[in-house]
C-alpha cells in the first residue's frame, strides 16, 4: 500500500505537469485578436446585409418607407447574436 506522502507527491507532480501544459497552450495575442475579429464579423455581417437588403426592398416601394430596413436590421441583430453564441459555445 502506498504511503500518503507518495500519493501526495504523485498528485502534486501530475498537477504541475498539467499547469505547464496549460501554460504552453495559452493563446497568443495574435490568436486572441483573430478570435475577437471573427466574433465581430459574425455579428456585424448579418446586420449590414439586412440593412442593405431592407434598403433595396424599401426603395422598390412607392413613397417613403423604412419598414423593411428596420425589420431586416432587427433580424440581422438576432442572427448575428445567434452566430456569436454558437461560435463561442463551440
C-alpha atoms as a PDB file:
ATOM      1  CA  UNK A   1       0.000   0.000   0.000  1.00  0.00           C
ATOM      2  CA  UNK A   2       1.324   3.427  -0.969  1.00  0.00           C
ATOM      3  CA  UNK A   3       2.141   5.841   1.771  1.00  0.00           C
ATOM      4  CA  UNK A   4       0.259   9.139   1.981  1.00  0.00           C
ATOM      5  CA  UNK A   5       3.466  11.073   1.172  1.00  0.00           C
ATOM      6  CA  UNK A   6       3.941   9.085  -2.043  1.00  0.00           C
ATOM      7  CA  UNK A   7       0.338   9.676  -3.063  1.00  0.00           C
ATOM      8  CA  UNK A   8       0.628  13.397  -2.363  1.00  0.00           C
ATOM      9  CA  UNK A   9       3.881  13.613  -4.329  1.00  0.00           C
ATOM     10  CA  UNK A  10       2.255  11.906  -7.344  1.00  0.00           C
ATOM     11  CA  UNK A  11      -0.767  14.212  -7.252  1.00  0.00           C
ATOM     12  CA  UNK A  12       1.383  17.332  -6.987  1.00  0.00           C
ATOM     13  CA  UNK A  13       3.589  16.133  -9.862  1.00  0.00           C
ATOM     14  CA  UNK A  14       0.572  15.481 -12.100  1.00  0.00           C
ATOM     15  CA  UNK A  15      -0.924  18.893 -11.265  1.00  0.00           C
ATOM     16  CA  UNK A  16       2.403  20.608 -12.013  1.00  0.00           C
ATOM     17  CA  UNK A  17       2.569  18.789 -15.349  1.00  0.00           C
ATOM     18  CA  UNK A  18      -0.973  19.924 -16.230  1.00  0.00           C
ATOM     19  CA  UNK A  19      -0.160  23.517 -15.281  1.00  0.00           C
ATOM     20  CA  UNK A  20       2.936  23.524 -17.502  1.00  0.00           C
ATOM     21  CA  UNK A  21       0.930  22.077 -20.390  1.00  0.00           C
ATOM     22  CA  UNK A  22      -1.815  24.711 -19.941  1.00  0.00           C
ATOM     23  CA  UNK A  23       0.817  27.461 -19.914  1.00  0.00           C
ATOM     24  CA  UNK A  24       2.243  26.199 -23.219  1.00  0.00           C
ATOM     25  CA  UNK A  25      -1.201  26.043 -24.839  1.00  0.00           C
ATOM     26  CA  UNK A  26      -2.199  29.582 -23.841  1.00  0.00           C
ATOM     27  CA  UNK A  27      -3.323  31.549 -26.915  1.00  0.00           C
ATOM     28  CA  UNK A  28      -1.059  34.316 -28.154  1.00  0.00           C
ATOM     29  CA  UNK A  29      -2.105  37.935 -28.578  1.00  0.00           C
ATOM     30  CA  UNK A  30      -2.444  37.421 -32.332  1.00  0.00           C
ATOM     31  CA  UNK A  31      -4.691  34.385 -31.831  1.00  0.00           C
ATOM     32  CA  UNK A  32      -6.885  36.326 -29.405  1.00  0.00           C
ATOM     33  CA  UNK A  33      -7.100  39.249 -31.823  1.00  0.00           C
ATOM     34  CA  UNK A  34      -8.141  36.967 -34.676  1.00  0.00           C
ATOM     35  CA  UNK A  35     -10.760  35.345 -32.417  1.00  0.00           C
ATOM     36  CA  UNK A  36     -12.283  38.692 -31.411  1.00  0.00           C
ATOM     37  CA  UNK A  37     -12.204  39.890 -35.031  1.00  0.00           C
ATOM     38  CA  UNK A  38     -14.033  36.767 -36.120  1.00  0.00           C
ATOM     39  CA  UNK A  39     -16.670  37.347 -33.457  1.00  0.00           C
ATOM     40  CA  UNK A  40     -17.102  40.911 -34.716  1.00  0.00           C
ATOM     41  CA  UNK A  41     -17.579  39.809 -38.296  1.00  0.00           C
ATOM     42  CA  UNK A  42     -20.008  37.077 -37.284  1.00  0.00           C
ATOM     43  CA  UNK A  43     -22.159  39.714 -35.602  1.00  0.00           C
ATOM     44  CA  UNK A  44     -21.811  42.683 -37.957  1.00  0.00           C
ATOM     45  CA  UNK A  45     -22.177  40.996 -41.353  1.00  0.00           C
ATOM     46  CA  UNK A  46     -25.810  39.853 -40.887  1.00  0.00           C
ATOM     47  CA  UNK A  47     -26.756  43.330 -39.646  1.00  0.00           C
ATOM     48  CA  UNK A  48     -25.135  45.060 -42.632  1.00  0.00           C
ATOM     49  CA  UNK A  49     -26.613  42.577 -45.108  1.00  0.00           C
ATOM     50  CA  UNK A  50     -30.050  43.089 -43.530  1.00  0.00           C
ATOM     51  CA  UNK A  51     -29.699  46.859 -43.775  1.00  0.00           C
ATOM     52  CA  UNK A  52     -28.713  46.794 -47.440  1.00  0.00           C
ATOM     53  CA  UNK A  53     -31.379  44.261 -48.367  1.00  0.00           C
ATOM     54  CA  UNK A  54     -34.037  46.229 -46.446  1.00  0.00           C
ATOM     55  CA  UNK A  55     -32.996  49.490 -48.081  1.00  0.00           C
ATOM     56  CA  UNK A  56     -33.241  47.873 -51.517  1.00  0.00           C
ATOM     57  CA  UNK A  57     -36.709  46.490 -50.748  1.00  0.00           C
ATOM     58  CA  UNK A  58     -37.870  49.848 -49.371  1.00  0.00           C
ATOM     59  CA  UNK A  59     -36.565  51.563 -52.486  1.00  0.00           C
ATOM     60  CA  UNK A  60     -38.828  49.409 -54.620  1.00  0.00           C
ATOM     61  CA  UNK A  61     -41.927  50.641 -52.757  1.00  0.00           C
ATOM     62  CA  UNK A  62     -43.637  53.904 -53.558  1.00  0.00           C
ATOM     63  CA  UNK A  63     -43.334  56.706 -51.041  1.00  0.00           C
ATOM     64  CA  UNK A  64     -41.076  56.910 -48.022  1.00  0.00           C
ATOM     65  CA  UNK A  65     -40.768  53.660 -46.115  1.00  0.00           C
ATOM     66  CA  UNK A  66     -38.260  52.205 -43.699  1.00  0.00           C
ATOM     67  CA  UNK A  67     -40.296  49.180 -42.726  1.00  0.00           C
ATOM     68  CA  UNK A  68     -38.102  46.581 -44.449  1.00  0.00           C
ATOM     69  CA  UNK A  69     -34.867  48.268 -43.447  1.00  0.00           C
ATOM     70  CA  UNK A  70     -35.685  48.333 -39.742  1.00  0.00           C
ATOM     71  CA  UNK A  71     -37.164  44.846 -39.783  1.00  0.00           C
ATOM     72  CA  UNK A  72     -34.175  43.296 -41.505  1.00  0.00           C
ATOM     73  CA  UNK A  73     -31.721  45.152 -39.249  1.00  0.00           C
ATOM     74  CA  UNK A  74     -33.535  43.601 -36.261  1.00  0.00           C
ATOM     75  CA  UNK A  75     -33.386  40.174 -37.913  1.00  0.00           C
ATOM     76  CA  UNK A  76     -29.675  40.735 -38.588  1.00  0.00           C
ATOM     77  CA  UNK A  77     -29.068  41.537 -34.916  1.00  0.00           C
ATOM     78  CA  UNK A  78     -30.800  38.313 -33.865  1.00  0.00           C
ATOM     79  CA  UNK A  79     -28.945  36.224 -36.455  1.00  0.00           C
ATOM     80  CA  UNK A  80     -25.625  37.861 -35.549  1.00  0.00           C
ATOM     81  CA  UNK A  81     -26.187  37.210 -31.862  1.00  0.00           C
ATOM     82  CA  UNK A  82     -27.023  33.584 -32.599  1.00  0.00           C
ATOM     83  CA  UNK A  83     -23.895  33.264 -34.753  1.00  0.00           C
ATOM     84  CA  UNK A  84     -21.702  34.599 -31.942  1.00  0.00           C
ATOM     85  CA  UNK A  85     -23.380  32.372 -29.356  1.00  0.00           C
ATOM     86  CA  UNK A  86     -22.909  29.234 -31.453  1.00  0.00           C
ATOM     87  CA  UNK A  87     -19.285  30.155 -32.265  1.00  0.00           C
ATOM     88  CA  UNK A  88     -18.386  30.770 -28.611  1.00  0.00           C
ATOM     89  CA  UNK A  89     -20.242  27.649 -27.483  1.00  0.00           C
ATOM     90  CA  UNK A  90     -18.226  25.544 -29.941  1.00  0.00           C
END
